[in-house]
Amino acid sequence: MFIHTDDITAYIPQRAPIVMIGGILEVSDNITRTGLQIAPDNLFVEEGVLQSPGLLENMAQTAAARVGYIAQQENTPVPIGFIGAVKDFEVFERPPAGSFIETTTEIVSQVFNATMVAAKVQLNGKVMAQCELKIFINP
C-alpha cells in the first residue's frame, strides 16, 4: 500500500513522461522503498522491457522521493537535488512491461549536502539492478 498522496510529483521534481515511480511504499530511518507498475508505453520501455536508463532513473527518483516526503512532513519546500556520481551500476535483468517493481534506497553516508545511497530494483524479490548514487541537495 502506498503511503504518499495521490500525486507523487508533490515529492519529486520530474514530470510526465519522466516520472519513474508510482508511489512511496516506505520511509523509515535510512530506508526508502517505492513501487512502479511499468506501463507498456513507458518512455524507457523498448522491446517489452524496461531499459537501463529507466532503471537508473527509477533509483534516482526513489532517493529524491525520500527528501520530498520528509520536506512535506516538516512543512518545508521540497529541495532540488542532483546526482553527482553513479558507482557500480549493474543490470542483472530488465523487468518486463506490465510488472510491478520495488526500489529500495538506503543511506550509506551523509556529509553536509552530499548523501551516498545504495539502491536496488527488485521484481518479486529478485534484484534486477543496483548501484550507489552520490546525491547533492541544493540548500
C-alpha atoms as a PDB file:
ATOM      1  CA  MET A   1       0.000   0.000   0.000  1.00  0.00           C
ATOM      2  CA  PHE A   2       1.360   3.396  -0.968  1.00  0.00           C
ATOM      3  CA  ILE A   3       1.790   5.975   1.793  1.00  0.00           C
ATOM      4  CA  HIS A   4       2.040   9.046  -0.442  1.00  0.00           C
ATOM      5  CA  THR A   5      -0.602  11.442  -1.687  1.00  0.00           C
ATOM      6  CA  ASP A   6      -2.315  10.660  -4.975  1.00  0.00           C
ATOM      7  CA  ASP A   7       0.234  12.822  -6.793  1.00  0.00           C
ATOM      8  CA  ILE A   8       3.806  11.527  -6.462  1.00  0.00           C
ATOM      9  CA  THR A   9       5.029  14.684  -8.201  1.00  0.00           C
ATOM     10  CA  ALA A  10       4.474  16.501  -4.890  1.00  0.00           C
ATOM     11  CA  TYR A  11       7.722  14.810  -3.771  1.00  0.00           C
ATOM     12  CA  ILE A  12       9.894  14.775  -6.901  1.00  0.00           C
ATOM     13  CA  PRO A  13      10.815  17.433  -9.481  1.00  0.00           C
ATOM     14  CA  GLN A  14      10.226  15.193 -12.518  1.00  0.00           C
ATOM     15  CA  ARG A  15       7.079  15.475 -14.597  1.00  0.00           C
ATOM     16  CA  ALA A  16       5.489  13.211 -17.201  1.00  0.00           C
ATOM     17  CA  PRO A  17       6.723  11.435 -19.191  1.00  0.00           C
ATOM     18  CA  ILE A  18       9.827  11.083 -16.988  1.00  0.00           C
ATOM     19  CA  VAL A  19       8.056  10.124 -13.725  1.00  0.00           C
ATOM     20  CA  MET A  20       9.529   6.704 -12.914  1.00  0.00           C
ATOM     21  CA  ILE A  21       7.945   5.919  -9.534  1.00  0.00           C
ATOM     22  CA  GLY A  22       4.305   5.266  -8.839  1.00  0.00           C
ATOM     23  CA  GLY A  23       4.359   5.894  -5.115  1.00  0.00           C
ATOM     24  CA  ILE A  24       6.178   5.569  -1.826  1.00  0.00           C
ATOM     25  CA  LEU A  25       5.857   2.244  -0.026  1.00  0.00           C
ATOM     26  CA  GLU A  26       8.052   3.019   2.997  1.00  0.00           C
ATOM     27  CA  VAL A  27      10.144   5.779   4.530  1.00  0.00           C
ATOM     28  CA  SER A  28      11.984   4.800   7.697  1.00  0.00           C
ATOM     29  CA  ASP A  29      15.339   5.609   9.337  1.00  0.00           C
ATOM     30  CA  ASN A  30      17.707   5.226   6.368  1.00  0.00           C
ATOM     31  CA  ILE A  31      15.451   3.229   4.030  1.00  0.00           C
ATOM     32  CA  THR A  32      13.060   4.361   1.315  1.00  0.00           C
ATOM     33  CA  ARG A  33      11.001   1.993  -0.853  1.00  0.00           C
ATOM     34  CA  THR A  34       8.941   2.924  -3.874  1.00  0.00           C
ATOM     35  CA  GLY A  35       6.853   0.986  -6.344  1.00  0.00           C
ATOM     36  CA  LEU A  36       6.246   1.289 -10.062  1.00  0.00           C
ATOM     37  CA  GLN A  37       3.824  -0.512 -12.333  1.00  0.00           C
ATOM     38  CA  ILE A  38       5.737  -0.463 -15.625  1.00  0.00           C
ATOM     39  CA  ALA A  39       3.381   0.723 -18.353  1.00  0.00           C
ATOM     40  CA  PRO A  40       3.908  -0.728 -21.834  1.00  0.00           C
ATOM     41  CA  ASP A  41       4.100   2.835 -23.210  1.00  0.00           C
ATOM     42  CA  ASN A  42       6.699   3.947 -20.627  1.00  0.00           C
ATOM     43  CA  LEU A  43       9.303   6.198 -22.247  1.00  0.00           C
ATOM     44  CA  PHE A  44      12.073   3.766 -21.220  1.00  0.00           C
ATOM     45  CA  VAL A  45      10.386   0.540 -22.391  1.00  0.00           C
ATOM     46  CA  GLU A  46      11.827  -0.953 -25.559  1.00  0.00           C
ATOM     47  CA  GLU A  47      11.121  -4.420 -26.925  1.00  0.00           C
ATOM     48  CA  GLY A  48       8.782  -5.041 -23.991  1.00  0.00           C
ATOM     49  CA  VAL A  49      11.298  -4.462 -21.185  1.00  0.00           C
ATOM     50  CA  LEU A  50      12.411  -1.508 -19.056  1.00  0.00           C
ATOM     51  CA  GLN A  51      15.826  -0.393 -20.291  1.00  0.00           C
ATOM     52  CA  SER A  52      18.869   0.528 -18.181  1.00  0.00           C
ATOM     53  CA  PRO A  53      18.291   4.325 -18.231  1.00  0.00           C
ATOM     54  CA  GLY A  54      14.791   3.735 -16.840  1.00  0.00           C
ATOM     55  CA  LEU A  55      16.149   1.555 -14.038  1.00  0.00           C
ATOM     56  CA  LEU A  56      18.715   4.214 -13.115  1.00  0.00           C
ATOM     57  CA  GLU A  57      16.118   6.995 -13.227  1.00  0.00           C
ATOM     58  CA  ASN A  58      13.812   4.889 -11.055  1.00  0.00           C
ATOM     59  CA  MET A  59      16.543   4.551  -8.398  1.00  0.00           C
ATOM     60  CA  ALA A  60      17.356   8.267  -8.516  1.00  0.00           C
ATOM     61  CA  GLN A  61      13.685   9.224  -8.142  1.00  0.00           C
ATOM     62  CA  THR A  62      13.337   6.879  -5.170  1.00  0.00           C
ATOM     63  CA  ALA A  63      16.148   8.785  -3.451  1.00  0.00           C
ATOM     64  CA  ALA A  64      14.503  12.095  -4.384  1.00  0.00           C
ATOM     65  CA  ALA A  65      11.117  10.951  -3.086  1.00  0.00           C
ATOM     66  CA  ARG A  66      12.581  10.467   0.394  1.00  0.00           C
ATOM     67  CA  VAL A  67      13.799  14.056   0.531  1.00  0.00           C
ATOM     68  CA  GLY A  68      10.485  15.356  -0.810  1.00  0.00           C
ATOM     69  CA  TYR A  69       8.428  13.238   1.562  1.00  0.00           C
ATOM     70  CA  ILE A  70      10.402  14.414   4.612  1.00  0.00           C
ATOM     71  CA  ALA A  71      10.174  18.039   3.484  1.00  0.00           C
ATOM     72  CA  GLN A  72       6.389  17.713   3.134  1.00  0.00           C
ATOM     73  CA  GLN A  73       6.148  16.169   6.617  1.00  0.00           C
ATOM     74  CA  GLU A  74       8.133  19.124   8.009  1.00  0.00           C
ATOM     75  CA  ASN A  75       6.073  21.672   6.008  1.00  0.00           C
ATOM     76  CA  THR A  76       9.180  22.963   4.239  1.00  0.00           C
ATOM     77  CA  PRO A  77       9.724  23.454   0.492  1.00  0.00           C
ATOM     78  CA  VAL A  78      10.867  20.357  -1.365  1.00  0.00           C
ATOM     79  CA  PRO A  79      14.560  20.931  -2.200  1.00  0.00           C
ATOM     80  CA  ILE A  80      16.087  20.137  -5.568  1.00  0.00           C
ATOM     81  CA  GLY A  81      18.925  17.642  -5.747  1.00  0.00           C
ATOM     82  CA  PHE A  82      21.147  16.257  -8.455  1.00  0.00           C
ATOM     83  CA  ILE A  83      23.224  13.158  -8.989  1.00  0.00           C
ATOM     84  CA  GLY A  84      26.932  13.841  -8.584  1.00  0.00           C
ATOM     85  CA  ALA A  85      28.110  10.302  -9.293  1.00  0.00           C
ATOM     86  CA  VAL A  86      26.886   6.803 -10.110  1.00  0.00           C
ATOM     87  CA  LYS A  87      29.068   3.948  -8.898  1.00  0.00           C
ATOM     88  CA  ASP A  88      28.934   0.226  -9.716  1.00  0.00           C
ATOM     89  CA  PHE A  89      25.754   0.373 -11.814  1.00  0.00           C
ATOM     90  CA  GLU A  90      24.804  -3.210 -12.630  1.00  0.00           C
ATOM     91  CA  VAL A  91      21.792  -4.523 -14.524  1.00  0.00           C
ATOM     92  CA  PHE A  92      21.142  -8.227 -13.993  1.00  0.00           C
ATOM     93  CA  GLU A  93      17.810  -8.437 -15.762  1.00  0.00           C
ATOM     94  CA  ARG A  94      15.361  -5.992 -17.326  1.00  0.00           C
ATOM     95  CA  PRO A  95      11.832  -6.167 -15.914  1.00  0.00           C
ATOM     96  CA  PRO A  96       9.029  -6.630 -18.451  1.00  0.00           C
ATOM     97  CA  ALA A  97       6.339  -4.065 -19.146  1.00  0.00           C
ATOM     98  CA  GLY A  98       3.282  -4.773 -17.016  1.00  0.00           C
ATOM     99  CA  SER A  99       5.305  -5.864 -13.988  1.00  0.00           C
ATOM    100  CA  PHE A 100       5.420  -4.138 -10.596  1.00  0.00           C
ATOM    101  CA  ILE A 101       8.934  -3.316  -9.386  1.00  0.00           C
ATOM    102  CA  GLU A 102      10.007  -2.220  -5.908  1.00  0.00           C
ATOM    103  CA  THR A 103      13.011   0.018  -5.475  1.00  0.00           C
ATOM    104  CA  THR A 104      14.924   0.500  -2.240  1.00  0.00           C
ATOM    105  CA  THR A 105      17.470   3.138  -1.354  1.00  0.00           C
ATOM    106  CA  GLU A 106      19.496   3.011   1.828  1.00  0.00           C
ATOM    107  CA  ILE A 107      21.583   5.917   3.089  1.00  0.00           C
ATOM    108  CA  VAL A 108      25.190   4.766   3.388  1.00  0.00           C
ATOM    109  CA  SER A 109      26.675   8.103   4.452  1.00  0.00           C
ATOM    110  CA  GLN A 110      25.742  11.748   4.677  1.00  0.00           C
ATOM    111  CA  VAL A 111      28.143  14.688   4.846  1.00  0.00           C
ATOM    112  CA  PHE A 112      26.811  18.244   4.620  1.00  0.00           C
ATOM    113  CA  ASN A 113      24.621  18.361   1.470  1.00  0.00           C
ATOM    114  CA  ALA A 114      26.059  15.142  -0.043  1.00  0.00           C
ATOM    115  CA  THR A 115      24.365  11.788   0.518  1.00  0.00           C
ATOM    116  CA  MET A 116      25.592   8.387  -0.670  1.00  0.00           C
ATOM    117  CA  VAL A 117      22.817   5.831  -1.134  1.00  0.00           C
ATOM    118  CA  ALA A 118      22.854   2.168  -2.096  1.00  0.00           C
ATOM    119  CA  ALA A 119      19.975   1.478  -4.472  1.00  0.00           C
ATOM    120  CA  LYS A 120      18.402  -1.671  -5.856  1.00  0.00           C
ATOM    121  CA  VAL A 121      15.411  -2.522  -8.032  1.00  0.00           C
ATOM    122  CA  GLN A 122      13.592  -5.796  -7.401  1.00  0.00           C
ATOM    123  CA  LEU A 123      10.918  -7.770  -9.172  1.00  0.00           C
ATOM    124  CA  ASN A 124       9.242 -10.396  -6.982  1.00  0.00           C
ATOM    125  CA  GLY A 125      12.227 -10.300  -4.600  1.00  0.00           C
ATOM    126  CA  LYS A 126      14.814 -10.778  -7.368  1.00  0.00           C
ATOM    127  CA  VAL A 127      17.364  -7.983  -7.848  1.00  0.00           C
ATOM    128  CA  MET A 128      17.096  -6.517 -11.356  1.00  0.00           C
ATOM    129  CA  ALA A 129      19.624  -3.678 -10.970  1.00  0.00           C
ATOM    130  CA  GLN A 130      21.724  -1.955  -8.316  1.00  0.00           C
ATOM    131  CA  CYS A 131      24.182   0.906  -7.856  1.00  0.00           C
ATOM    132  CA  GLU A 132      25.430   3.576  -5.485  1.00  0.00           C
ATOM    133  CA  LEU A 133      24.355   7.156  -6.043  1.00  0.00           C
ATOM    134  CA  LYS A 134      26.051  10.265  -4.695  1.00  0.00           C
ATOM    135  CA  ILE A 135      23.351  12.892  -4.430  1.00  0.00           C
ATOM    136  CA  PHE A 136      23.767  16.575  -3.686  1.00  0.00           C
ATOM    137  CA  ILE A 137      20.885  18.603  -2.292  1.00  0.00           C
ATOM    138  CA  ASN A 138      20.712  22.272  -3.218  1.00  0.00           C
ATOM    139  CA  PRO A 139      20.443  24.028   0.167  1.00  0.00           C
END
